[in-house]
Amino acid sequence: MSTPPNPGSYEIPSEMRDFAEKSVDQARKAFDSFLDAAYKASNAIETQTASAQDNMRAVAGAAVSFAEQNMAASFNYAQKLVRASTVEEVLKIQTEFAKAQIETLTKQVQEMGAVAGRKGGFKS
């Protein structure tokens, strides 16, 4: 027997969560296509001249890597959200995501500054 929801809690309908989950899956597939194109574009840069190319490739590679990390985190966040069953759970997930993203973005800005400032570019 299921227990009644807490007064003041709002149950998110399962149909809405299913629709949102399908939407997240479609967005993930579209992003994967975008990421593939971004990697191809990043690789195309490698055919350019050597000295200016090294630093540009490092910055582009770092940017694509950061975008991939951030989108993966966003998709994971979206998956958690669509599975949430109460507003309280949604707020908790949002708070955790915001805190983690602030930390991640701070690190990424520092890393991007280090990559962009290096002479000779980024070596994988």
N, C-alpha and C. Protein backbone atom coordinates (compact mmCIF):
# COMPACT_ATOMS: atom_id res chain seq x y z
N MET A 1 0.85 -1.17 0.00
CA MET A 1 0.00 0.00 0.00
C MET A 1 0.90 1.23 0.00
N SER A 2 0.60 2.18 -0.86
CA SER A 2 1.44 3.38 -0.92
C SER A 2 0.98 4.38 0.11
N THR A 3 1.92 5.15 0.59
CA THR A 3 1.60 6.17 1.60
C THR A 3 1.21 7.45 0.89
N PRO A 4 0.28 8.19 1.48
CA PRO A 4 -0.12 9.45 0.84
C PRO A 4 1.02 10.44 0.87
N PRO A 5 1.09 11.34 -0.10
CA PRO A 5 2.17 12.33 -0.12
C PRO A 5 2.06 13.27 1.06
N ASN A 6 3.21 13.84 1.44
CA ASN A 6 3.22 14.82 2.53
C ASN A 6 2.37 16.02 2.13
N PRO A 7 1.61 16.56 3.09
CA PRO A 7 0.90 17.79 2.75
C PRO A 7 1.93 18.86 2.40
N GLY A 8 1.68 19.62 1.39
CA GLY A 8 2.65 20.63 0.96
C GLY A 8 3.64 20.11 -0.06
N SER A 9 3.67 18.78 -0.27
CA SER A 9 4.53 18.20 -1.28
C SER A 9 3.73 18.10 -2.57
N TYR A 10 4.39 18.30 -3.65
CA TYR A 10 3.73 18.18 -4.95
C TYR A 10 4.34 17.00 -5.67
N GLU A 11 3.52 16.03 -6.01
CA GLU A 11 3.98 14.86 -6.75
C GLU A 11 4.10 15.22 -8.23
N ILE A 12 5.22 14.96 -8.81
CA ILE A 12 5.42 15.20 -10.24
C ILE A 12 4.89 13.97 -10.97
N PRO A 13 3.93 14.16 -11.88
CA PRO A 13 3.33 13.00 -12.57
C PRO A 13 4.38 12.20 -13.34
N SER A 14 4.20 10.88 -13.33
CA SER A 14 5.17 10.01 -14.00
C SER A 14 5.20 10.27 -15.50
N GLU A 15 4.07 10.65 -16.10
CA GLU A 15 4.06 10.96 -17.54
C GLU A 15 4.96 12.15 -17.83
N MET A 16 4.93 13.13 -16.93
CA MET A 16 5.78 14.31 -17.14
C MET A 16 7.25 13.93 -17.01
N ARG A 17 7.57 13.08 -16.03
CA ARG A 17 8.95 12.64 -15.86
C ARG A 17 9.39 11.82 -17.07
N ASP A 18 8.50 10.93 -17.59
CA ASP A 18 8.83 10.13 -18.78
C ASP A 18 9.08 11.01 -19.98
N PHE A 19 8.23 12.00 -20.19
CA PHE A 19 8.41 12.92 -21.31
C PHE A 19 9.72 13.68 -21.17
N ALA A 20 9.99 14.16 -19.96
CA ALA A 20 11.23 14.90 -19.74
C ALA A 20 12.45 14.02 -19.95
N GLU A 21 12.36 12.77 -19.52
CA GLU A 21 13.49 11.86 -19.70
C GLU A 21 13.74 11.60 -21.19
N LYS A 22 12.67 11.43 -21.97
CA LYS A 22 12.83 11.24 -23.41
C LYS A 22 13.44 12.49 -24.05
N SER A 23 13.02 13.64 -23.57
CA SER A 23 13.57 14.89 -24.10
C SER A 23 15.06 15.01 -23.79
N VAL A 24 15.44 14.61 -22.59
CA VAL A 24 16.86 14.65 -22.21
C VAL A 24 17.65 13.69 -23.09
N ASP A 25 17.09 12.50 -23.33
CA ASP A 25 17.78 11.53 -24.19
C ASP A 25 17.97 12.07 -25.60
N GLN A 26 16.95 12.72 -26.14
CA GLN A 26 17.06 13.30 -27.48
C GLN A 26 18.10 14.42 -27.49
N ALA A 27 18.10 15.23 -26.44
CA ALA A 27 19.08 16.31 -26.36
C ALA A 27 20.49 15.75 -26.25
N ARG A 28 20.64 14.66 -25.50
CA ARG A 28 21.96 14.03 -25.36
C ARG A 28 22.46 13.54 -26.73
N LYS A 29 21.57 12.93 -27.51
CA LYS A 29 21.95 12.44 -28.84
C LYS A 29 22.35 13.62 -29.75
N ALA A 30 21.59 14.69 -29.68
CA ALA A 30 21.93 15.87 -30.49
C ALA A 30 23.27 16.44 -30.06
N PHE A 31 23.52 16.48 -28.75
CA PHE A 31 24.80 16.99 -28.28
C PHE A 31 25.94 16.08 -28.70
N ASP A 32 25.72 14.78 -28.66
CA ASP A 32 26.77 13.85 -29.11
C ASP A 32 27.15 14.12 -30.56
N SER A 33 26.15 14.43 -31.40
CA SER A 33 26.44 14.78 -32.80
C SER A 33 27.23 16.07 -32.87
N PHE A 34 26.84 17.04 -32.05
CA PHE A 34 27.56 18.31 -32.01
C PHE A 34 29.00 18.08 -31.56
N LEU A 35 29.16 17.26 -30.53
CA LEU A 35 30.50 16.98 -30.01
C LEU A 35 31.37 16.32 -31.05
N ASP A 36 30.81 15.39 -31.82
CA ASP A 36 31.55 14.75 -32.89
C ASP A 36 32.01 15.79 -33.91
N ALA A 37 31.13 16.69 -34.28
CA ALA A 37 31.49 17.76 -35.22
C ALA A 37 32.56 18.67 -34.62
N ALA A 38 32.46 18.95 -33.33
CA ALA A 38 33.45 19.80 -32.67
C ALA A 38 34.82 19.14 -32.66
N TYR A 39 34.86 17.83 -32.39
CA TYR A 39 36.13 17.12 -32.43
C TYR A 39 36.72 17.13 -33.84
N LYS A 40 35.87 16.95 -34.85
CA LYS A 40 36.35 16.99 -36.22
C LYS A 40 36.90 18.37 -36.56
N ALA A 41 36.21 19.40 -36.11
CA ALA A 41 36.68 20.76 -36.36
C ALA A 41 37.99 21.01 -35.62
N SER A 42 38.08 20.52 -34.39
CA SER A 42 39.31 20.67 -33.62
C SER A 42 40.47 19.96 -34.31
N ASN A 43 40.20 18.79 -34.85
CA ASN A 43 41.25 18.04 -35.57
C ASN A 43 41.64 18.74 -36.87
N ALA A 44 40.69 19.42 -37.50
CA ALA A 44 41.00 20.14 -38.73
C ALA A 44 41.98 21.28 -38.47
N ILE A 45 41.94 21.83 -37.27
CA ILE A 45 42.86 22.90 -36.91
C ILE A 45 44.31 22.42 -36.98
N GLU A 46 44.50 21.13 -36.74
CA GLU A 46 45.85 20.57 -36.73
C GLU A 46 46.57 20.70 -38.07
N THR A 47 45.82 20.92 -39.13
CA THR A 47 46.45 21.04 -40.44
C THR A 47 46.95 22.46 -40.72
N GLN A 48 46.75 23.38 -39.82
CA GLN A 48 47.16 24.78 -39.99
C GLN A 48 48.66 24.93 -39.67
N THR A 49 49.15 26.13 -39.76
CA THR A 49 50.57 26.40 -39.49
C THR A 49 50.96 26.06 -38.06
N ALA A 50 52.22 25.73 -37.85
CA ALA A 50 52.68 25.13 -36.59
C ALA A 50 52.69 26.05 -35.38
N SER A 51 53.32 27.19 -35.41
CA SER A 51 53.50 27.97 -34.18
C SER A 51 52.20 28.53 -33.61
N ALA A 52 51.39 29.18 -34.40
CA ALA A 52 50.12 29.73 -33.91
C ALA A 52 49.13 28.61 -33.62
N GLN A 53 49.27 27.55 -34.36
CA GLN A 53 48.36 26.43 -34.23
C GLN A 53 48.46 25.73 -32.88
N ASP A 54 49.65 25.58 -32.35
CA ASP A 54 49.82 24.84 -31.09
C ASP A 54 48.97 25.42 -29.97
N ASN A 55 49.08 26.73 -29.76
CA ASN A 55 48.32 27.34 -28.67
C ASN A 55 46.83 27.32 -28.97
N MET A 56 46.46 27.57 -30.20
CA MET A 56 45.04 27.55 -30.57
C MET A 56 44.44 26.17 -30.37
N ARG A 57 45.17 25.14 -30.76
CA ARG A 57 44.70 23.77 -30.59
C ARG A 57 44.53 23.45 -29.11
N ALA A 58 45.45 23.92 -28.30
CA ALA A 58 45.36 23.68 -26.86
C ALA A 58 44.10 24.32 -26.29
N VAL A 59 43.86 25.55 -26.67
CA VAL A 59 42.68 26.25 -26.17
C VAL A 59 41.41 25.59 -26.69
N ALA A 60 41.37 25.26 -27.98
CA ALA A 60 40.19 24.62 -28.57
C ALA A 60 39.95 23.25 -27.93
N GLY A 61 41.02 22.49 -27.76
CA GLY A 61 40.88 21.17 -27.13
C GLY A 61 40.37 21.27 -25.71
N ALA A 62 40.91 22.23 -24.97
CA ALA A 62 40.45 22.41 -23.59
C ALA A 62 38.99 22.85 -23.58
N ALA A 63 38.63 23.76 -24.48
CA ALA A 63 37.25 24.25 -24.53
C ALA A 63 36.28 23.11 -24.87
N VAL A 64 36.65 22.27 -25.83
CA VAL A 64 35.78 21.14 -26.19
C VAL A 64 35.70 20.16 -25.02
N SER A 65 36.81 19.92 -24.36
CA SER A 65 36.82 19.03 -23.21
C SER A 65 35.95 19.57 -22.09
N PHE A 66 36.07 20.86 -21.82
CA PHE A 66 35.25 21.48 -20.78
C PHE A 66 33.77 21.44 -21.16
N ALA A 67 33.48 21.70 -22.42
CA ALA A 67 32.08 21.65 -22.88
C ALA A 67 31.52 20.25 -22.69
N GLU A 68 32.33 19.26 -23.02
CA GLU A 68 31.89 17.87 -22.86
C GLU A 68 31.63 17.55 -21.39
N GLN A 69 32.55 17.95 -20.51
CA GLN A 69 32.37 17.72 -19.08
C GLN A 69 31.13 18.43 -18.55
N ASN A 70 30.94 19.68 -18.97
CA ASN A 70 29.81 20.46 -18.47
C ASN A 70 28.49 19.91 -18.99
N MET A 71 28.46 19.49 -20.24
CA MET A 71 27.23 18.93 -20.79
C MET A 71 26.92 17.58 -20.14
N ALA A 72 27.94 16.78 -19.90
CA ALA A 72 27.70 15.50 -19.22
C ALA A 72 27.12 15.75 -17.84
N ALA A 73 27.68 16.72 -17.12
CA ALA A 73 27.15 17.07 -15.80
C ALA A 73 25.71 17.58 -15.91
N SER A 74 25.44 18.37 -16.94
CA SER A 74 24.09 18.89 -17.13
C SER A 74 23.10 17.78 -17.47
N PHE A 75 23.52 16.83 -18.30
CA PHE A 75 22.63 15.72 -18.62
C PHE A 75 22.38 14.86 -17.39
N ASN A 76 23.41 14.64 -16.59
CA ASN A 76 23.22 13.87 -15.35
C ASN A 76 22.26 14.60 -14.41
N TYR A 77 22.42 15.92 -14.34
CA TYR A 77 21.53 16.76 -13.53
C TYR A 77 20.10 16.64 -14.04
N ALA A 78 19.92 16.74 -15.34
CA ALA A 78 18.58 16.65 -15.94
C ALA A 78 17.96 15.28 -15.66
N GLN A 79 18.77 14.23 -15.75
CA GLN A 79 18.25 12.89 -15.46
C GLN A 79 17.77 12.81 -14.01
N LYS A 80 18.54 13.37 -13.10
CA LYS A 80 18.13 13.36 -11.69
C LYS A 80 16.84 14.15 -11.51
N LEU A 81 16.75 15.30 -12.20
CA LEU A 81 15.55 16.12 -12.07
C LEU A 81 14.30 15.39 -12.55
N VAL A 82 14.39 14.74 -13.70
CA VAL A 82 13.20 14.09 -14.23
C VAL A 82 12.78 12.89 -13.39
N ARG A 83 13.68 12.39 -12.60
CA ARG A 83 13.35 11.27 -11.73
C ARG A 83 12.89 11.72 -10.35
N ALA A 84 13.01 13.01 -10.08
CA ALA A 84 12.58 13.54 -8.78
C ALA A 84 11.07 13.41 -8.66
N SER A 85 10.62 13.10 -7.46
CA SER A 85 9.18 12.91 -7.29
C SER A 85 8.54 14.01 -6.45
N THR A 86 9.35 14.87 -5.84
CA THR A 86 8.79 15.98 -5.05
C THR A 86 9.55 17.26 -5.35
N VAL A 87 8.93 18.36 -5.05
CA VAL A 87 9.57 19.65 -5.23
C VAL A 87 10.79 19.77 -4.31
N GLU A 88 10.68 19.22 -3.12
CA GLU A 88 11.82 19.25 -2.19
C GLU A 88 13.03 18.55 -2.77
N GLU A 89 12.80 17.42 -3.42
CA GLU A 89 13.88 16.67 -4.05
C GLU A 89 14.48 17.48 -5.20
N VAL A 90 13.64 18.15 -5.97
CA VAL A 90 14.11 19.01 -7.06
C VAL A 90 15.00 20.11 -6.51
N LEU A 91 14.59 20.74 -5.43
CA LEU A 91 15.39 21.83 -4.84
C LEU A 91 16.73 21.32 -4.33
N LYS A 92 16.74 20.15 -3.74
CA LYS A 92 18.00 19.56 -3.25
C LYS A 92 18.94 19.28 -4.42
N ILE A 93 18.41 18.70 -5.48
CA ILE A 93 19.21 18.38 -6.67
C ILE A 93 19.76 19.66 -7.28
N GLN A 94 18.94 20.70 -7.36
CA GLN A 94 19.36 21.99 -7.92
C GLN A 94 20.49 22.60 -7.11
N THR A 95 20.36 22.57 -5.80
CA THR A 95 21.39 23.14 -4.93
C THR A 95 22.72 22.40 -5.09
N GLU A 96 22.66 21.08 -5.10
CA GLU A 96 23.89 20.28 -5.27
C GLU A 96 24.54 20.56 -6.62
N PHE A 97 23.72 20.64 -7.67
CA PHE A 97 24.25 20.89 -9.01
C PHE A 97 24.91 22.27 -9.08
N ALA A 98 24.24 23.27 -8.56
CA ALA A 98 24.78 24.64 -8.61
C ALA A 98 26.12 24.71 -7.89
N LYS A 99 26.21 24.11 -6.72
CA LYS A 99 27.47 24.12 -5.96
C LYS A 99 28.59 23.42 -6.73
N ALA A 100 28.28 22.26 -7.29
CA ALA A 100 29.29 21.50 -8.05
C ALA A 100 29.72 22.27 -9.30
N GLN A 101 28.79 22.91 -9.98
CA GLN A 101 29.14 23.65 -11.19
C GLN A 101 30.00 24.87 -10.89
N ILE A 102 29.74 25.55 -9.80
CA ILE A 102 30.58 26.70 -9.43
C ILE A 102 32.01 26.23 -9.21
N GLU A 103 32.18 25.13 -8.49
CA GLU A 103 33.52 24.59 -8.25
C GLU A 103 34.18 24.17 -9.57
N THR A 104 33.44 23.48 -10.40
CA THR A 104 33.97 23.01 -11.69
C THR A 104 34.37 24.18 -12.58
N LEU A 105 33.49 25.16 -12.70
CA LEU A 105 33.79 26.30 -13.57
C LEU A 105 34.99 27.09 -13.07
N THR A 106 35.14 27.21 -11.77
CA THR A 106 36.31 27.90 -11.20
C THR A 106 37.59 27.17 -11.62
N LYS A 107 37.59 25.85 -11.49
CA LYS A 107 38.76 25.07 -11.89
C LYS A 107 39.02 25.19 -13.39
N GLN A 108 37.95 25.15 -14.18
CA GLN A 108 38.10 25.22 -15.63
C GLN A 108 38.66 26.57 -16.07
N VAL A 109 38.23 27.64 -15.44
CA VAL A 109 38.77 28.97 -15.78
C VAL A 109 40.26 29.01 -15.47
N GLN A 110 40.66 28.46 -14.34
CA GLN A 110 42.08 28.43 -13.99
C GLN A 110 42.87 27.59 -14.99
N GLU A 111 42.34 26.42 -15.35
CA GLU A 111 43.02 25.55 -16.30
C GLU A 111 43.10 26.21 -17.68
N MET A 112 42.03 26.87 -18.11
CA MET A 112 42.04 27.52 -19.42
C MET A 112 43.08 28.63 -19.44
N GLY A 113 43.17 29.37 -18.36
CA GLY A 113 44.20 30.41 -18.27
C GLY A 113 45.59 29.82 -18.38
N ALA A 114 45.81 28.70 -17.72
CA ALA A 114 47.12 28.05 -17.79
C ALA A 114 47.40 27.53 -19.20
N VAL A 115 46.40 26.94 -19.84
CA VAL A 115 46.58 26.42 -21.20
C VAL A 115 46.85 27.56 -22.17
N ALA A 116 46.06 28.61 -22.08
CA ALA A 116 46.21 29.74 -23.02
C ALA A 116 47.53 30.47 -22.81
N GLY A 117 48.06 30.44 -21.60
CA GLY A 117 49.29 31.15 -21.30
C GLY A 117 50.56 30.37 -21.60
N ARG A 118 50.42 29.06 -21.83
CA ARG A 118 51.60 28.25 -22.12
C ARG A 118 52.19 28.56 -23.47
N LYS A 119 53.51 28.57 -23.53
CA LYS A 119 54.19 28.70 -24.84
C LYS A 119 54.36 27.31 -25.39
N GLY A 120 54.18 27.18 -26.66
CA GLY A 120 54.36 25.89 -27.31
C GLY A 120 53.12 25.04 -27.31
N GLY A 121 52.05 25.52 -26.67
CA GLY A 121 50.77 24.83 -26.77
C GLY A 121 50.60 23.69 -25.79
N PHE A 122 49.56 22.98 -25.98
CA PHE A 122 49.10 21.90 -25.13
C PHE A 122 49.53 20.57 -25.74
N LYS A 123 50.17 19.76 -24.98
CA LYS A 123 50.59 18.45 -25.48
C LYS A 123 49.72 17.38 -24.81
N SER A 124 49.05 16.57 -25.61
CA SER A 124 48.19 15.52 -25.08
C SER A 124 49.02 14.34 -24.68
